[in-house]
């Protein structure tokens, strides 16, 4: 299935300078590349069966009007994370053209992908642009599951001699698996036991990300957080639940997590 795209012409602003016979820039006789027609195919892809990845034969086809060879660039970005999936450039002659930009997606990375098509003339001047949306879906193979660590008891800290508060951290480490793959995990969070309020998110984004330093390796399926304990915590056992949510909205069973403050 293909969809026709409406070309969006780039705008060139010409500034007139006093005492100049002509404005600076490109000569009027140099025509920018212009799409007579352009389309992206396919724009709707559904992965059937349990295959772990989908290979999509993405292509841009159309007709470009220009005076010389044109550089066509195809950019594909995943809307969910605003991350670049692929960038493909090709030199095409005026007239009908095809630029192939195949992509391979993990089955869990469902959602929308923006496809942007850029043109540049032989003189380096930007030409027409066009955009389309690729939608990728796959059968949900099931909800994620979570396993957590068992932290050692911690001793609540006392204020120092100046009365300044001190904290110690309880590590919360959740290993999350999903039958659709790691890319399908959208959110991992902790809440008070028995359906109580959410206390925070866990992350799998590597050390130093989001102002945190808890996660060791980005994208390994191990989500971490640190629970700060200060002098205000009463001694005793604290019970939480950890839940993972996939991109279909399916939730894991709540996994108990407990720690003790002495």
C-alpha atoms as a PDB file:
ATOM      1  CA  UNK A   1       0.000   0.000   0.000  1.00  0.00           C
ATOM      2  CA  UNK A   2       1.380   3.412  -0.884  1.00  0.00           C
ATOM      3  CA  UNK A   3       0.263   6.920  -0.147  1.00  0.00           C
ATOM      4  CA  UNK A   4       0.792  10.024  -2.218  1.00  0.00           C
ATOM      5  CA  UNK A   5       2.597  12.845  -0.491  1.00  0.00           C
ATOM      6  CA  UNK A   6       2.014  16.503  -0.966  1.00  0.00           C
ATOM      7  CA  UNK A   7       5.351  18.200  -1.650  1.00  0.00           C
ATOM      8  CA  UNK A   8       6.342  20.988   0.679  1.00  0.00           C
ATOM      9  CA  UNK A   9       8.460  23.585  -1.083  1.00  0.00           C
ATOM     10  CA  UNK A  10      11.370  25.086   0.794  1.00  0.00           C
ATOM     11  CA  UNK A  11      11.318  28.879   1.050  1.00  0.00           C
ATOM     12  CA  UNK A  12      14.314  30.948   0.024  1.00  0.00           C
ATOM     13  CA  UNK A  13      14.543  34.390   1.577  1.00  0.00           C
ATOM     14  CA  UNK A  14      16.406  36.922  -0.555  1.00  0.00           C
ATOM     15  CA  UNK A  15      17.767  39.982   1.174  1.00  0.00           C
ATOM     16  CA  UNK A  16      18.243  43.186  -0.810  1.00  0.00           C
ATOM     17  CA  UNK A  17      21.311  45.212   0.048  1.00  0.00           C
ATOM     18  CA  UNK A  18      21.629  48.918  -0.626  1.00  0.00           C
ATOM     19  CA  UNK A  19      23.853  49.921  -3.548  1.00  0.00           C
ATOM     20  CA  UNK A  20      23.777  46.390  -4.967  1.00  0.00           C
ATOM     21  CA  UNK A  21      22.536  45.699  -8.457  1.00  0.00           C
ATOM     22  CA  UNK A  22      21.531  42.135  -7.516  1.00  0.00           C
ATOM     23  CA  UNK A  23      20.727  40.268  -4.350  1.00  0.00           C
ATOM     24  CA  UNK A  24      23.360  37.812  -3.117  1.00  0.00           C
ATOM     25  CA  UNK A  25      22.707  34.085  -3.404  1.00  0.00           C
ATOM     26  CA  UNK A  26      21.954  31.734  -6.246  1.00  0.00           C
ATOM     27  CA  UNK A  27      21.399  32.899  -9.783  1.00  0.00           C
ATOM     28  CA  UNK A  28      17.783  33.122 -10.823  1.00  0.00           C
ATOM     29  CA  UNK A  29      18.485  30.733 -13.656  1.00  0.00           C
ATOM     30  CA  UNK A  30      19.263  27.897 -11.202  1.00  0.00           C
ATOM     31  CA  UNK A  31      16.063  25.978 -10.581  1.00  0.00           C
ATOM     32  CA  UNK A  32      15.586  24.170  -7.284  1.00  0.00           C
ATOM     33  CA  UNK A  33      14.619  20.467  -7.381  1.00  0.00           C
ATOM     34  CA  UNK A  34      10.831  20.131  -7.343  1.00  0.00           C
ATOM     35  CA  UNK A  35       8.732  17.004  -6.841  1.00  0.00           C
ATOM     36  CA  UNK A  36       6.209  16.408  -9.593  1.00  0.00           C
ATOM     37  CA  UNK A  37       5.047  13.439  -7.539  1.00  0.00           C
ATOM     38  CA  UNK A  38       6.429  11.407  -4.642  1.00  0.00           C
ATOM     39  CA  UNK A  39       5.193   8.512  -2.519  1.00  0.00           C
ATOM     40  CA  UNK A  40       6.445   6.241   0.238  1.00  0.00           C
ATOM     41  CA  UNK A  41       5.658   2.533   0.302  1.00  0.00           C
ATOM     42  CA  UNK A  42       4.644   0.700   2.418  1.00  0.00           C
ATOM     43  CA  UNK A  43       2.996   2.876   5.062  1.00  0.00           C
ATOM     44  CA  UNK A  44       1.154   0.194   7.040  1.00  0.00           C
ATOM     45  CA  UNK A  45       3.039  -2.930   8.132  1.00  0.00           C
ATOM     46  CA  UNK A  46       1.721  -5.714  10.373  1.00  0.00           C
ATOM     47  CA  UNK A  47       4.065  -8.481  11.510  1.00  0.00           C
ATOM     48  CA  UNK A  48       2.321 -11.844  11.540  1.00  0.00           C
ATOM     49  CA  UNK A  49       3.507 -14.781  13.633  1.00  0.00           C
ATOM     50  CA  UNK A  50       6.203 -14.882  16.316  1.00  0.00           C
ATOM     51  CA  UNK A  51       9.158 -13.623  14.240  1.00  0.00           C
ATOM     52  CA  UNK A  52      11.466 -11.524  16.450  1.00  0.00           C
ATOM     53  CA  UNK A  53      12.068  -8.861  13.782  1.00  0.00           C
ATOM     54  CA  UNK A  54      10.361  -7.375  10.745  1.00  0.00           C
ATOM     55  CA  UNK A  55      12.331  -6.431   7.635  1.00  0.00           C
ATOM     56  CA  UNK A  56      10.432  -3.682   5.817  1.00  0.00           C
ATOM     57  CA  UNK A  57      11.313  -2.920   2.160  1.00  0.00           C
ATOM     58  CA  UNK A  58      10.742   0.812   2.547  1.00  0.00           C
ATOM     59  CA  UNK A  59      11.103   2.778  -0.691  1.00  0.00           C
ATOM     60  CA  UNK A  60      10.495   6.307  -1.944  1.00  0.00           C
ATOM     61  CA  UNK A  61       9.308   6.589  -5.545  1.00  0.00           C
ATOM     62  CA  UNK A  62       8.353   9.596  -7.620  1.00  0.00           C
ATOM     63  CA  UNK A  63       9.369  12.135 -10.205  1.00  0.00           C
ATOM     64  CA  UNK A  64      11.668  15.086  -9.614  1.00  0.00           C
ATOM     65  CA  UNK A  65      12.131  18.100 -11.858  1.00  0.00           C
ATOM     66  CA  UNK A  66      15.654  19.502 -11.889  1.00  0.00           C
ATOM     67  CA  UNK A  67      18.421  20.671 -14.227  1.00  0.00           C
ATOM     68  CA  UNK A  68      21.032  18.181 -13.001  1.00  0.00           C
ATOM     69  CA  UNK A  69      21.495  15.280 -10.611  1.00  0.00           C
ATOM     70  CA  UNK A  70      19.648  15.592  -7.294  1.00  0.00           C
ATOM     71  CA  UNK A  71      20.666  14.258  -3.889  1.00  0.00           C
ATOM     72  CA  UNK A  72      17.676  12.596  -2.227  1.00  0.00           C
ATOM     73  CA  UNK A  73      17.913  11.863   1.505  1.00  0.00           C
ATOM     74  CA  UNK A  74      15.457   9.624   3.363  1.00  0.00           C
ATOM     75  CA  UNK A  75      15.261   9.921   7.169  1.00  0.00           C
ATOM     76  CA  UNK A  76      13.243   7.482   9.303  1.00  0.00           C
ATOM     77  CA  UNK A  77      12.649   8.239  13.004  1.00  0.00           C
ATOM     78  CA  UNK A  78      10.788   6.283  15.676  1.00  0.00           C
ATOM     79  CA  UNK A  79       8.159   8.640  17.086  1.00  0.00           C
ATOM     80  CA  UNK A  80       8.005   6.892  20.469  1.00  0.00           C
ATOM     81  CA  UNK A  81      11.628   7.680  21.334  1.00  0.00           C
ATOM     82  CA  UNK A  82      12.440  10.329  18.676  1.00  0.00           C
ATOM     83  CA  UNK A  83      15.405   8.176  17.673  1.00  0.00           C
ATOM     84  CA  UNK A  84      16.899   7.887  14.192  1.00  0.00           C
ATOM     85  CA  UNK A  85      16.297   4.461  12.634  1.00  0.00           C
ATOM     86  CA  UNK A  86      18.013   5.021   9.299  1.00  0.00           C
ATOM     87  CA  UNK A  87      19.374   7.701   7.006  1.00  0.00           C
ATOM     88  CA  UNK A  88      19.829   6.879   3.317  1.00  0.00           C
ATOM     89  CA  UNK A  89      21.127   9.186   0.607  1.00  0.00           C
ATOM     90  CA  UNK A  90      21.198   8.631  -3.141  1.00  0.00           C
ATOM     91  CA  UNK A  91      21.980  10.696  -6.230  1.00  0.00           C
ATOM     92  CA  UNK A  92      19.160  10.547  -8.792  1.00  0.00           C
ATOM     93  CA  UNK A  93      18.757  12.008 -12.248  1.00  0.00           C
ATOM     94  CA  UNK A  94      15.844  14.300 -13.154  1.00  0.00           C
ATOM     95  CA  UNK A  95      12.691  12.340 -13.929  1.00  0.00           C
ATOM     96  CA  UNK A  96      11.405   9.150 -12.348  1.00  0.00           C
ATOM     97  CA  UNK A  97      13.397   7.842  -9.393  1.00  0.00           C
ATOM     98  CA  UNK A  98      13.359   5.178  -6.682  1.00  0.00           C
ATOM     99  CA  UNK A  99      15.344   5.318  -3.441  1.00  0.00           C
ATOM    100  CA  UNK A 100      15.316   2.152  -1.352  1.00  0.00           C
ATOM    101  CA  UNK A 101      15.646   2.521   2.419  1.00  0.00           C
ATOM    102  CA  UNK A 102      14.909  -0.896   3.954  1.00  0.00           C
ATOM    103  CA  UNK A 103      14.645  -1.050   7.750  1.00  0.00           C
ATOM    104  CA  UNK A 104      14.674  -3.907  10.244  1.00  0.00           C
ATOM    105  CA  UNK A 105      12.555  -3.401  13.366  1.00  0.00           C
ATOM    106  CA  UNK A 106      12.309  -5.533  16.511  1.00  0.00           C
ATOM    107  CA  UNK A 107       8.770  -6.830  16.867  1.00  0.00           C
ATOM    108  CA  UNK A 108       8.269  -4.940  20.106  1.00  0.00           C
ATOM    109  CA  UNK A 109       9.035  -1.524  18.592  1.00  0.00           C
ATOM    110  CA  UNK A 110       5.469  -0.968  17.442  1.00  0.00           C
ATOM    111  CA  UNK A 111       4.068   2.467  16.706  1.00  0.00           C
ATOM    112  CA  UNK A 112       4.557   5.319  14.266  1.00  0.00           C
ATOM    113  CA  UNK A 113       7.685   6.114  12.278  1.00  0.00           C
ATOM    114  CA  UNK A 114       8.138   9.449  10.517  1.00  0.00           C
ATOM    115  CA  UNK A 115       9.607   9.299   7.002  1.00  0.00           C
ATOM    116  CA  UNK A 116      11.109  12.559   5.743  1.00  0.00           C
ATOM    117  CA  UNK A 117      12.322  12.969   2.154  1.00  0.00           C
ATOM    118  CA  UNK A 118      14.752  15.821   1.425  1.00  0.00           C
ATOM    119  CA  UNK A 119      16.215  16.987  -1.879  1.00  0.00           C
ATOM    120  CA  UNK A 120      19.301  19.019  -2.673  1.00  0.00           C
ATOM    121  CA  UNK A 121      20.345  20.351  -6.066  1.00  0.00           C
ATOM    122  CA  UNK A 122      23.777  19.987  -7.627  1.00  0.00           C
ATOM    123  CA  UNK A 123      24.516  23.553  -6.521  1.00  0.00           C
ATOM    124  CA  UNK A 124      23.865  22.650  -2.864  1.00  0.00           C
ATOM    125  CA  UNK A 125      20.530  24.456  -2.647  1.00  0.00           C
ATOM    126  CA  UNK A 126      17.720  22.732  -0.750  1.00  0.00           C
ATOM    127  CA  UNK A 127      14.769  21.663  -2.842  1.00  0.00           C
ATOM    128  CA  UNK A 128      11.373  20.179  -2.111  1.00  0.00           C
ATOM    129  CA  UNK A 129      10.629  18.150   0.992  1.00  0.00           C
ATOM    130  CA  UNK A 130       7.941  15.580   1.705  1.00  0.00           C
ATOM    131  CA  UNK A 131       6.859  13.555   4.717  1.00  0.00           C
ATOM    132  CA  UNK A 132       4.875  10.420   5.445  1.00  0.00           C
ATOM    133  CA  UNK A 133       3.989   8.216   8.408  1.00  0.00           C
ATOM    134  CA  UNK A 134       4.791   4.509   8.592  1.00  0.00           C
ATOM    135  CA  UNK A 135       2.742   2.523  11.105  1.00  0.00           C
ATOM    136  CA  UNK A 136       4.179  -0.747  12.416  1.00  0.00           C
ATOM    137  CA  UNK A 137       2.093  -3.264  14.374  1.00  0.00           C
ATOM    138  CA  UNK A 138       2.597  -6.823  15.554  1.00  0.00           C
ATOM    139  CA  UNK A 139       0.560  -9.408  17.404  1.00  0.00           C
ATOM    140  CA  UNK A 140       1.060  -9.122  21.151  1.00  0.00           C
ATOM    141  CA  UNK A 141       2.609 -12.368  22.398  1.00  0.00           C
ATOM    142  CA  UNK A 142       1.880 -11.642  26.044  1.00  0.00           C
ATOM    143  CA  UNK A 143       2.517  -9.354  29.000  1.00  0.00           C
ATOM    144  CA  UNK A 144       5.977  -8.723  30.470  1.00  0.00           C
ATOM    145  CA  UNK A 145       7.254 -10.372  33.631  1.00  0.00           C
ATOM    146  CA  UNK A 146       9.409  -8.986  36.431  1.00  0.00           C
ATOM    147  CA  UNK A 147      11.957 -10.434  38.874  1.00  0.00           C
ATOM    148  CA  UNK A 148      13.437  -8.261  41.639  1.00  0.00           C
ATOM    149  CA  UNK A 149      16.414  -8.301  44.005  1.00  0.00           C
ATOM    150  CA  UNK A 150      16.353  -8.911  47.760  1.00  0.00           C
ATOM    151  CA  UNK A 151      18.180  -5.985  49.382  1.00  0.00           C
ATOM    152  CA  UNK A 152      20.019  -6.270  52.663  1.00  0.00           C
ATOM    153  CA  UNK A 153      18.558  -4.397  55.664  1.00  0.00           C
ATOM    154  CA  UNK A 154      19.699  -0.788  55.999  1.00  0.00           C
ATOM    155  CA  UNK A 155      20.294   1.305  59.094  1.00  0.00           C
ATOM    156  CA  UNK A 156      18.611   4.657  59.000  1.00  0.00           C
ATOM    157  CA  UNK A 157      21.168   7.457  59.177  1.00  0.00           C
ATOM    158  CA  UNK A 158      21.395  10.066  61.906  1.00  0.00           C
ATOM    159  CA  UNK A 159      21.864  13.783  61.258  1.00  0.00           C
ATOM    160  CA  UNK A 160      25.476  14.916  61.447  1.00  0.00           C
ATOM    161  CA  UNK A 161      26.827  17.281  64.082  1.00  0.00           C
ATOM    162  CA  UNK A 162      25.442  20.283  62.202  1.00  0.00           C
ATOM    163  CA  UNK A 163      22.006  18.741  61.951  1.00  0.00           C
ATOM    164  CA  UNK A 164      22.260  18.151  58.224  1.00  0.00           C
ATOM    165  CA  UNK A 165      20.178  15.252  56.946  1.00  0.00           C
ATOM    166  CA  UNK A 166      21.963  12.203  55.581  1.00  0.00           C
ATOM    167  CA  UNK A 167      20.565   9.431  53.412  1.00  0.00           C
ATOM    168  CA  UNK A 168      21.366   5.851  52.494  1.00  0.00           C
ATOM    169  CA  UNK A 169      20.026   4.194  49.368  1.00  0.00           C
ATOM    170  CA  UNK A 170      18.141   0.944  49.046  1.00  0.00           C
ATOM    171  CA  UNK A 171      18.844  -0.490  45.575  1.00  0.00           C
ATOM    172  CA  UNK A 172      15.792  -1.607  43.622  1.00  0.00           C
ATOM    173  CA  UNK A 173      16.748  -3.815  40.677  1.00  0.00           C
ATOM    174  CA  UNK A 174      14.129  -5.358  38.388  1.00  0.00           C
ATOM    175  CA  UNK A 175      14.941  -7.750  35.551  1.00  0.00           C
ATOM    176  CA  UNK A 176      12.165  -7.428  32.978  1.00  0.00           C
ATOM    177  CA  UNK A 177      11.453  -9.870  30.173  1.00  0.00           C
ATOM    178  CA  UNK A 178       8.807  -9.672  27.475  1.00  0.00           C
ATOM    179  CA  UNK A 179       7.793 -12.294  24.904  1.00  0.00           C
ATOM    180  CA  UNK A 180       7.809  -9.522  22.273  1.00  0.00           C
ATOM    181  CA  UNK A 181      11.360  -8.485  23.175  1.00  0.00           C
ATOM    182  CA  UNK A 182      12.921  -5.713  25.249  1.00  0.00           C
ATOM    183  CA  UNK A 183      11.827  -3.031  22.798  1.00  0.00           C
ATOM    184  CA  UNK A 184       8.225  -3.710  23.798  1.00  0.00           C
ATOM    185  CA  UNK A 185       8.730  -2.628  27.426  1.00  0.00           C
ATOM    186  CA  UNK A 186       7.400   0.878  27.805  1.00  0.00           C
ATOM    187  CA  UNK A 187       7.352   1.578  31.525  1.00  0.00           C
ATOM    188  CA  UNK A 188       8.504   0.018  34.811  1.00  0.00           C
ATOM    189  CA  UNK A 189       7.362   1.522  38.094  1.00  0.00           C
ATOM    190  CA  UNK A 190       7.103   0.806  41.823  1.00  0.00           C
ATOM    191  CA  UNK A 191       4.096   1.427  43.998  1.00  0.00           C
ATOM    192  CA  UNK A 192       3.027   0.729  47.543  1.00  0.00           C
ATOM    193  CA  UNK A 193       1.837  -2.824  48.087  1.00  0.00           C
ATOM    194  CA  UNK A 194      -1.787  -3.803  47.551  1.00  0.00           C
ATOM    195  CA  UNK A 195      -2.355  -1.233  44.821  1.00  0.00           C
ATOM    196  CA  UNK A 196      -1.142   1.816  46.736  1.00  0.00           C
ATOM    197  CA  UNK A 197       0.233   5.001  45.242  1.00  0.00           C
ATOM    198  CA  UNK A 198       3.085   5.044  42.727  1.00  0.00           C
ATOM    199  CA  UNK A 199       6.402   6.047  44.308  1.00  0.00           C
ATOM    200  CA  UNK A 200       8.547   6.258  41.183  1.00  0.00           C
ATOM    201  CA  UNK A 201       9.895   4.820  37.929  1.00  0.00           C
ATOM    202  CA  UNK A 202      12.767   2.470  37.254  1.00  0.00           C
ATOM    203  CA  UNK A 203      15.087   3.069  34.292  1.00  0.00           C
ATOM    204  CA  UNK A 204      17.250   1.055  31.918  1.00  0.00           C
ATOM    205  CA  UNK A 205      19.053   3.988  30.327  1.00  0.00           C
ATOM    206  CA  UNK A 206      22.623   3.579  31.520  1.00  0.00           C
ATOM    207  CA  UNK A 207      24.720   5.392  34.140  1.00  0.00           C
ATOM    208  CA  UNK A 208      24.137   9.092  34.601  1.00  0.00           C
ATOM    209  CA  UNK A 209      20.934   9.306  32.545  1.00  0.00           C
ATOM    210  CA  UNK A 210      17.929  11.248  33.900  1.00  0.00           C
ATOM    211  CA  UNK A 211      20.130  12.594  36.668  1.00  0.00           C
ATOM    212  CA  UNK A 212      20.497   9.085  38.057  1.00  0.00           C
ATOM    213  CA  UNK A 213      23.569   6.942  38.485  1.00  0.00           C
ATOM    214  CA  UNK A 214      21.913   3.677  39.335  1.00  0.00           C
ATOM    215  CA  UNK A 215      21.669   1.796  36.040  1.00  0.00           C
ATOM    216  CA  UNK A 216      24.837   0.032  34.914  1.00  0.00           C
ATOM    217  CA  UNK A 217      24.101  -0.935  31.286  1.00  0.00           C
ATOM    218  CA  UNK A 218      21.654   0.737  28.922  1.00  0.00           C
ATOM    219  CA  UNK A 219      19.076  -1.488  27.239  1.00  0.00           C
ATOM    220  CA  UNK A 220      19.985  -4.775  28.956  1.00  0.00           C
ATOM    221  CA  UNK A 221      16.507  -5.345  30.411  1.00  0.00           C
ATOM    222  CA  UNK A 222      17.647  -4.568  33.977  1.00  0.00           C
ATOM    223  CA  UNK A 223      15.742  -1.578  35.369  1.00  0.00           C
ATOM    224  CA  UNK A 224      17.033   0.163  38.471  1.00  0.00           C
ATOM    225  CA  UNK A 225      16.206   2.832  41.007  1.00  0.00           C
ATOM    226  CA  UNK A 226      17.480   3.928  44.407  1.00  0.00           C
ATOM    227  CA  UNK A 227      15.152   4.475  47.368  1.00  0.00           C
ATOM    228  CA  UNK A 228      16.676   7.136  49.647  1.00  0.00           C
ATOM    229  CA  UNK A 229      16.286   6.450  53.373  1.00  0.00           C
ATOM    230  CA  UNK A 230      16.726   9.299  55.842  1.00  0.00           C
ATOM    231  CA  UNK A 231      16.315   9.750  59.596  1.00  0.00           C
ATOM    232  CA  UNK A 232      12.574  10.228  59.170  1.00  0.00           C
ATOM    233  CA  UNK A 233      11.974   6.578  58.254  1.00  0.00           C
ATOM    234  CA  UNK A 234      10.510   4.505  61.056  1.00  0.00           C
ATOM    235  CA  UNK A 235      12.289   1.188  61.634  1.00  0.00           C
ATOM    236  CA  UNK A 236      10.427  -1.736  60.161  1.00  0.00           C
ATOM    237  CA  UNK A 237       9.592  -3.534  56.925  1.00  0.00           C
ATOM    238  CA  UNK A 238       8.383  -1.700  53.860  1.00  0.00           C
ATOM    239  CA  UNK A 239       6.456  -3.529  51.143  1.00  0.00           C
ATOM    240  CA  UNK A 240       6.274  -2.402  47.521  1.00  0.00           C
ATOM    241  CA  UNK A 241       5.215  -3.830  44.163  1.00  0.00           C
ATOM    242  CA  UNK A 242       7.011  -3.523  40.841  1.00  0.00           C
ATOM    243  CA  UNK A 243       5.018  -3.533  37.591  1.00  0.00           C
ATOM    244  CA  UNK A 244       6.103  -3.425  33.946  1.00  0.00           C
ATOM    245  CA  UNK A 245       3.845  -2.162  31.148  1.00  0.00           C
ATOM    246  CA  UNK A 246       4.342  -2.980  27.464  1.00  0.00           C
ATOM    247  CA  UNK A 247       3.550  -0.864  24.419  1.00  0.00           C
ATOM    248  CA  UNK A 248       0.168  -2.562  24.060  1.00  0.00           C
ATOM    249  CA  UNK A 249      -0.766  -1.490  27.591  1.00  0.00           C
ATOM    250  CA  UNK A 250      -0.516  -5.008  29.031  1.00  0.00           C
ATOM    251  CA  UNK A 251       0.783  -5.079  32.618  1.00  0.00           C
ATOM    252  CA  UNK A 252       2.902  -7.674  34.339  1.00  0.00           C
ATOM    253  CA  UNK A 253       1.676  -9.314  37.495  1.00  0.00           C
ATOM    254  CA  UNK A 254       2.721  -7.183  40.505  1.00  0.00           C
ATOM    255  CA  UNK A 255       6.047  -8.459  41.849  1.00  0.00           C
ATOM    256  CA  UNK A 256       6.577  -7.948  45.607  1.00  0.00           C
ATOM    257  CA  UNK A 257       9.645  -6.029  46.745  1.00  0.00           C
ATOM    258  CA  UNK A 258      10.445  -5.539  50.447  1.00  0.00           C
ATOM    259  CA  UNK A 259      13.196  -3.852  52.423  1.00  0.00           C
ATOM    260  CA  UNK A 260      13.884  -3.414  56.103  1.00  0.00           C
ATOM    261  CA  UNK A 261      15.006  -0.285  57.943  1.00  0.00           C
ATOM    262  CA  UNK A 262      16.713  -0.784  61.298  1.00  0.00           C
END
